[in-house]
Amino acid sequence: MDKLKAIKSFVEAATNLSFTAAARRLGIPRGKVSRDIADLEQQLGIRLFNRTTREVSLTEAGTRYLQTCQHVLGVMRTDEARLVDVNTQNEGMLRILSVRSFGERHLAQAAAAFRVANPAIRINLELAPGTKTPLQLHEGGFDLGVCIAPVRSASAVVRKIANFSWILCASPAFAAGLDGGLRLEDLSAYPAVINPRSTQNAIYNFTRGSRTYSAQLNVEIAITNYWAIRDVLLTGFGLSVLPSFCIREDIEAGRLVRLLPEYSLGEDQVSAVYPHFQHVPTKAKRFADFLRRRFDRTLDL
């Protein structure tokens, strides 16, 4: 027995004092209304209706049970309306899961700016380690994920926030110490700092025109955080491949310099990810729109 459906059958029959009218209002056969009420009576161990060949009337127990059922259904309708409001209104808690490398400097400030513009929203931002750590949106109950790696989930919805590029870079002091400049074939002769989560074998593909070349870096330091790698480069040690959203300001200010600028290391994108196709909270959609406006054409070189 589906008890909720049985209760609805009972309430309609009790309100109209007619099984036929209840069936008509619910859009089900009269026999289904009779079975629902019989099942309820059997489960409760009481008679809810006095039945004659011409009419039905509520027993004393049936009258009391009607009041209980009407109260329960009323509470459910109120709570369901509130739940719809939570999903459709730009208010309440917004739970975000972000890759750490983008979240530390960019997303944290963006979340604060979004909160100022939307005072009815509270934000819970969790930063995940690694660039390719799967975004556990379903298990964690998050409304939105922000990632810089491809999302391999059939149910997830991905929205581009902005493009970024991968840049071979070093400090000006390190670049000045390169005898006769830097050649692609000599890369392995110099110390490098890499994020092992982005490339385990330290082999990178460099494109120039229509041709692609592979080069392996000489890894002397491995750190699983791009901002920490950037800090190492600023000391003058080694070279690295970093996402442009980490070093754009450093390049523009001359704190870091781009090496082998005639080669491309490719582009990727920062993406907003909804865990499901349907029933995406309005606040999550608005935050994704806000991120796209904020970061459009500001992360690349």
Protein backbone atom coordinates (compact mmCIF):
# COMPACT_ATOMS: atom_id res chain seq x y z
CA MET A 1 0.00 0.00 0.00
CA ASP A 2 1.19 3.50 -0.87
CA LYS A 3 0.10 5.12 2.37
CA LEU A 4 0.32 8.71 1.17
CA LYS A 5 -1.92 7.98 -1.82
CA ALA A 6 -4.28 6.05 0.44
CA ILE A 7 -4.49 9.02 2.83
CA LYS A 8 -5.30 11.34 -0.09
CA SER A 9 -8.06 8.96 -1.17
CA PHE A 10 -9.42 8.93 2.38
CA VAL A 11 -9.34 12.74 2.73
CA GLU A 12 -11.16 13.28 -0.57
CA ALA A 13 -13.77 10.62 0.24
CA ALA A 14 -14.24 11.98 3.77
CA THR A 15 -14.47 15.60 2.61
CA ASN A 16 -17.03 14.80 -0.11
CA LEU A 17 -18.65 11.87 1.71
CA SER A 18 -18.51 10.07 -1.62
CA PHE A 19 -16.09 7.50 -2.99
CA THR A 20 -17.25 8.37 -6.50
CA ALA A 21 -16.54 12.09 -6.06
CA ALA A 22 -13.14 11.27 -4.55
CA ALA A 23 -12.25 9.10 -7.52
CA ARG A 24 -13.33 11.82 -9.94
CA ARG A 25 -11.26 14.52 -8.17
CA LEU A 26 -8.19 12.29 -7.96
CA GLY A 27 -8.53 10.96 -11.52
CA ILE A 28 -8.47 7.31 -10.44
CA PRO A 29 -11.03 4.46 -10.58
CA ARG A 30 -13.63 4.32 -7.81
CA GLY A 31 -12.46 0.80 -6.99
CA LYS A 32 -8.96 2.17 -6.26
CA VAL A 33 -10.42 4.62 -3.72
CA SER A 34 -12.33 1.76 -2.04
CA ARG A 35 -9.18 -0.41 -1.89
CA ASP A 36 -7.07 2.44 -0.50
CA ILE A 37 -9.53 3.09 2.31
CA ALA A 38 -9.96 -0.62 3.05
CA ASP A 39 -6.18 -0.98 3.28
CA LEU A 40 -5.98 1.98 5.67
CA GLU A 41 -8.72 0.52 7.87
CA GLN A 42 -6.96 -2.82 7.96
CA GLN A 43 -3.62 -1.27 8.85
CA LEU A 44 -5.08 1.00 11.52
CA GLY A 45 -7.41 -1.67 12.88
CA ILE A 46 -10.38 0.71 12.90
CA ARG A 47 -13.42 1.49 10.74
CA LEU A 48 -13.22 4.93 9.14
CA PHE A 49 -16.59 4.94 7.35
CA ASN A 50 -20.09 3.68 7.99
CA ARG A 51 -21.25 2.36 4.63
CA THR A 52 -24.77 1.77 3.31
CA THR A 53 -25.93 1.03 -0.21
CA ARG A 54 -26.78 4.71 -0.73
CA GLU A 55 -24.26 6.73 1.29
CA VAL A 56 -21.18 6.76 3.49
CA SER A 57 -20.54 8.68 6.68
CA LEU A 58 -17.52 9.06 8.94
CA THR A 59 -17.20 7.13 12.16
CA GLU A 60 -15.96 8.97 15.25
CA ALA A 61 -12.49 7.53 14.64
CA GLY A 62 -12.76 8.53 10.98
CA THR A 63 -13.56 12.14 11.96
CA ARG A 64 -10.51 12.34 14.20
CA TYR A 65 -8.29 10.68 11.59
CA LEU A 66 -9.51 13.17 8.95
CA GLN A 67 -8.31 16.06 11.12
CA THR A 68 -4.92 14.37 11.52
CA CYS A 69 -4.57 13.70 7.80
CA GLN A 70 -5.61 17.22 6.81
CA HIS A 71 -3.00 18.63 9.20
CA VAL A 72 -0.26 16.35 7.82
CA LEU A 73 -1.09 17.16 4.20
CA GLY A 74 -1.21 20.87 5.02
CA VAL A 75 2.25 20.74 6.61
CA MET A 76 3.57 18.86 3.58
CA ARG A 77 2.17 21.46 1.16
CA THR A 78 3.71 24.29 3.18
CA ASP A 79 7.11 22.60 3.38
CA GLU A 80 7.06 21.72 -0.32
CA ALA A 81 6.39 25.37 -1.17
CA ARG A 82 9.31 26.39 1.03
CA LEU A 83 11.57 23.86 -0.68
CA VAL A 84 10.60 25.28 -4.07
CA ASP A 85 11.46 28.73 -2.76
CA VAL A 86 14.88 27.50 -1.60
CA ASN A 87 15.62 26.19 -5.08
CA THR A 88 14.24 29.13 -7.05
CA GLN A 89 15.07 32.13 -4.89
CA ASN A 90 18.45 33.83 -4.75
CA GLU A 91 18.91 33.18 -1.04
CA GLY A 92 20.08 30.61 1.47
CA MET A 93 23.29 28.57 1.59
CA LEU A 94 25.37 28.19 -1.60
CA ARG A 95 27.80 25.26 -1.30
CA ILE A 96 30.75 25.40 -3.70
CA LEU A 97 33.58 22.94 -4.32
CA SER A 98 36.59 24.36 -6.15
CA VAL A 99 40.00 23.19 -7.26
CA ARG A 100 42.46 24.79 -4.84
CA SER A 101 44.76 26.43 -7.40
CA PHE A 102 41.96 28.61 -8.75
CA GLY A 103 40.03 28.95 -5.53
CA GLU A 104 42.77 30.34 -3.29
CA ARG A 105 43.36 33.63 -5.08
CA HIS A 106 40.51 34.08 -7.53
CA LEU A 107 37.39 32.30 -6.31
CA ALA A 108 37.63 33.35 -2.67
CA GLN A 109 37.63 37.03 -3.65
CA ALA A 110 34.88 36.43 -6.20
CA ALA A 111 32.74 34.70 -3.56
CA ALA A 112 33.13 37.68 -1.25
CA ALA A 113 32.12 40.09 -4.04
CA PHE A 114 29.10 37.93 -4.92
CA ARG A 115 28.05 37.83 -1.27
CA VAL A 116 28.20 41.63 -1.03
CA ALA A 117 25.97 41.90 -4.10
CA ASN A 118 23.59 39.19 -2.77
CA PRO A 119 23.19 39.71 0.99
CA ALA A 120 20.53 36.99 1.36
CA ILE A 121 23.07 34.32 0.37
CA ARG A 122 25.54 32.56 2.64
CA ILE A 123 28.52 30.83 1.05
CA ASN A 124 30.35 27.65 2.01
CA LEU A 125 33.46 27.27 -0.19
CA GLU A 126 35.53 24.08 0.00
CA LEU A 127 38.89 23.89 -1.77
CA ALA A 128 39.93 20.50 -3.15
CA PRO A 129 43.57 19.50 -3.72
CA GLY A 130 44.95 18.80 -7.18
CA THR A 131 44.00 19.84 -10.69
CA LYS A 132 42.41 16.56 -11.67
CA THR A 133 40.83 15.50 -8.41
CA PRO A 134 37.27 14.42 -9.29
CA LEU A 135 34.75 16.95 -8.06
CA GLN A 136 32.60 14.95 -5.66
CA LEU A 137 29.54 17.12 -6.13
CA HIS A 138 26.92 14.39 -5.65
CA GLU A 139 28.35 12.84 -2.49
CA GLY A 140 29.14 16.16 -0.85
CA GLY A 141 25.82 17.83 -1.58
CA PHE A 142 27.43 20.77 -3.37
CA ASP A 143 25.42 23.14 -5.56
CA LEU A 144 28.33 24.03 -7.84
CA GLY A 145 31.86 22.95 -8.66
CA VAL A 146 34.69 24.97 -10.20
CA CYS A 147 37.42 23.05 -11.98
CA ILE A 148 40.30 23.42 -14.44
CA ALA A 149 40.30 19.83 -15.69
CA PRO A 150 37.85 17.93 -17.91
CA VAL A 151 34.79 16.65 -16.05
CA ARG A 152 34.03 13.01 -16.75
CA SER A 153 30.46 12.64 -15.58
CA ALA A 154 27.48 11.87 -17.77
CA SER A 155 25.06 13.68 -15.45
CA ALA A 156 27.10 16.84 -14.82
CA VAL A 157 26.46 20.11 -16.65
CA VAL A 158 29.59 22.08 -17.54
CA ARG A 159 29.62 25.83 -18.23
CA LYS A 160 32.75 27.64 -19.35
CA ILE A 161 33.84 30.54 -17.16
CA ALA A 162 37.03 31.60 -18.97
CA ASN A 163 39.98 30.31 -20.98
CA PHE A 164 43.53 30.18 -19.69
CA SER A 165 46.82 29.06 -21.20
CA TRP A 166 49.84 27.12 -19.95
CA ILE A 167 53.04 29.17 -19.81
CA LEU A 168 56.69 28.18 -19.54
CA CYS A 169 58.17 30.80 -17.23
CA ALA A 170 60.93 31.73 -14.80
CA SER A 171 62.25 34.75 -12.90
CA PRO A 172 64.15 37.48 -14.79
CA ALA A 173 67.29 36.55 -12.85
CA PHE A 174 67.02 32.93 -13.97
CA ALA A 175 66.34 33.95 -17.57
CA ALA A 176 69.35 36.30 -17.54
CA GLY A 177 71.57 33.38 -16.56
CA LEU A 178 70.66 31.32 -19.62
CA ASP A 179 73.77 31.26 -21.78
CA GLY A 180 72.86 32.44 -25.27
CA GLY A 181 69.14 32.19 -24.54
CA LEU A 182 66.99 29.08 -24.24
CA ARG A 183 66.39 26.43 -26.88
CA LEU A 184 63.68 23.80 -26.71
CA GLU A 185 66.17 20.97 -27.06
CA ASP A 186 68.12 22.26 -24.04
CA LEU A 187 65.21 22.37 -21.59
CA SER A 188 66.29 19.23 -19.76
CA ALA A 189 69.60 20.89 -18.87
CA TYR A 190 67.95 23.31 -16.44
CA PRO A 191 66.27 22.70 -13.06
CA ALA A 192 62.48 22.62 -13.16
CA VAL A 193 59.65 22.77 -10.63
CA ILE A 194 56.47 20.90 -11.59
CA ASN A 195 53.11 19.86 -10.23
CA PRO A 196 53.15 16.05 -10.44
CA ARG A 197 49.36 15.96 -10.46
CA SER A 198 49.30 17.71 -13.84
CA THR A 199 52.04 15.63 -15.46
CA GLN A 200 53.59 12.56 -13.92
CA ASN A 201 56.42 12.14 -16.43
CA ALA A 202 57.28 15.85 -16.83
CA ILE A 203 56.87 15.62 -20.62
CA TYR A 204 55.20 18.63 -22.26
CA ASN A 205 54.04 19.20 -25.82
CA PHE A 206 55.16 22.46 -27.42
CA THR A 207 53.43 23.62 -30.61
CA ARG A 208 54.84 26.01 -33.17
CA GLY A 209 52.84 26.56 -36.32
CA SER A 210 51.58 23.18 -37.47
CA ARG A 211 54.26 21.14 -35.69
CA THR A 212 54.33 19.76 -32.17
CA TYR A 213 57.46 18.87 -30.23
CA SER A 214 57.83 16.96 -26.96
CA ALA A 215 60.29 17.99 -24.30
CA GLN A 216 61.00 16.57 -20.86
CA LEU A 217 61.79 18.86 -17.96
CA ASN A 218 64.50 18.15 -15.41
CA VAL A 219 62.43 17.95 -12.23
CA GLU A 220 64.35 19.01 -9.16
CA ILE A 221 61.35 20.09 -7.08
CA ALA A 222 57.80 18.71 -7.24
CA ILE A 223 54.97 20.55 -5.46
CA THR A 224 51.27 19.80 -5.70
CA ASN A 225 50.22 23.46 -5.71
CA TYR A 226 50.70 25.98 -8.52
CA TRP A 227 50.86 28.98 -6.20
CA ALA A 228 53.67 27.36 -4.21
CA ILE A 229 55.53 26.65 -7.48
CA ARG A 230 55.13 30.31 -8.45
CA ASP A 231 56.62 31.33 -5.10
CA VAL A 232 59.63 29.10 -5.76
CA LEU A 233 60.18 30.68 -9.19
CA LEU A 234 60.08 34.15 -7.63
CA THR A 235 63.14 33.21 -5.56
CA GLY A 236 65.07 32.76 -8.80
CA PHE A 237 65.14 28.96 -8.75
CA GLY A 238 64.31 26.99 -11.90
CA LEU A 239 61.63 27.15 -14.54
CA SER A 240 58.11 25.74 -14.68
CA VAL A 241 54.90 25.41 -16.66
CA LEU A 242 52.12 27.28 -14.88
CA PRO A 243 48.52 28.27 -15.68
CA SER A 244 48.20 31.86 -16.82
CA PHE A 245 45.64 32.63 -14.10
CA CYS A 246 48.42 32.13 -11.52
CA ILE A 247 51.09 34.31 -13.15
CA ARG A 248 49.42 36.89 -15.40
CA GLU A 249 50.02 39.75 -12.95
CA ASP A 250 53.61 38.59 -12.34
CA ILE A 251 54.34 38.56 -16.06
CA GLU A 252 52.79 42.01 -16.53
CA ALA A 253 54.76 43.39 -13.55
CA GLY A 254 58.04 41.79 -14.71
CA ARG A 255 58.38 39.54 -11.65
CA LEU A 256 58.33 36.52 -13.98
CA VAL A 257 59.14 36.24 -17.69
CA ARG A 258 57.75 33.98 -20.37
CA LEU A 259 60.26 31.54 -21.87
CA LEU A 260 60.10 30.28 -25.46
CA PRO A 261 57.12 32.55 -26.27
CA GLU A 262 57.20 31.38 -29.89
CA TYR A 263 55.83 28.00 -28.70
CA SER A 264 52.35 27.24 -27.35
CA LEU A 265 51.66 24.79 -24.54
CA GLY A 266 47.94 24.79 -25.21
CA GLU A 267 44.81 26.20 -23.58
CA ASP A 268 42.28 24.94 -21.07
CA GLN A 269 39.28 26.46 -19.38
CA VAL A 270 37.98 27.20 -15.93
CA SER A 271 34.53 25.66 -15.75
CA ALA A 272 31.51 25.80 -13.50
CA VAL A 273 29.93 22.39 -12.98
CA TYR A 274 26.38 21.59 -11.85
CA PRO A 275 26.00 18.04 -10.49
CA HIS A 276 22.67 17.46 -12.29
CA PHE A 277 20.88 18.52 -15.46
CA GLN A 278 17.62 19.29 -13.64
CA HIS A 279 16.57 21.48 -10.71
CA VAL A 280 19.76 23.55 -10.54
CA PRO A 281 19.33 26.13 -7.74
CA THR A 282 18.88 29.69 -8.98
CA LYS A 283 21.68 30.92 -6.73
CA ALA A 284 24.12 28.46 -8.35
CA LYS A 285 23.19 29.64 -11.85
CA ARG A 286 23.59 33.27 -10.83
CA PHE A 287 26.98 32.61 -9.26
CA ALA A 288 28.16 30.90 -12.46
CA ASP A 289 26.95 33.90 -14.48
CA PHE A 290 28.75 36.21 -12.06
CA LEU A 291 32.02 34.26 -12.47
CA ARG A 292 31.79 34.37 -16.23
CA ARG A 293 31.32 38.13 -16.25
CA ARG A 294 34.10 38.63 -13.70
CA PHE A 295 36.74 36.46 -15.35
CA ASP A 296 35.95 36.73 -19.04
CA ARG A 297 39.24 37.55 -20.84
CA THR A 298 41.07 38.23 -17.57
CA LEU A 299 42.83 34.90 -16.96
CA ASP A 300 44.80 34.48 -20.19
CA LEU A 301 47.90 36.20 -21.54
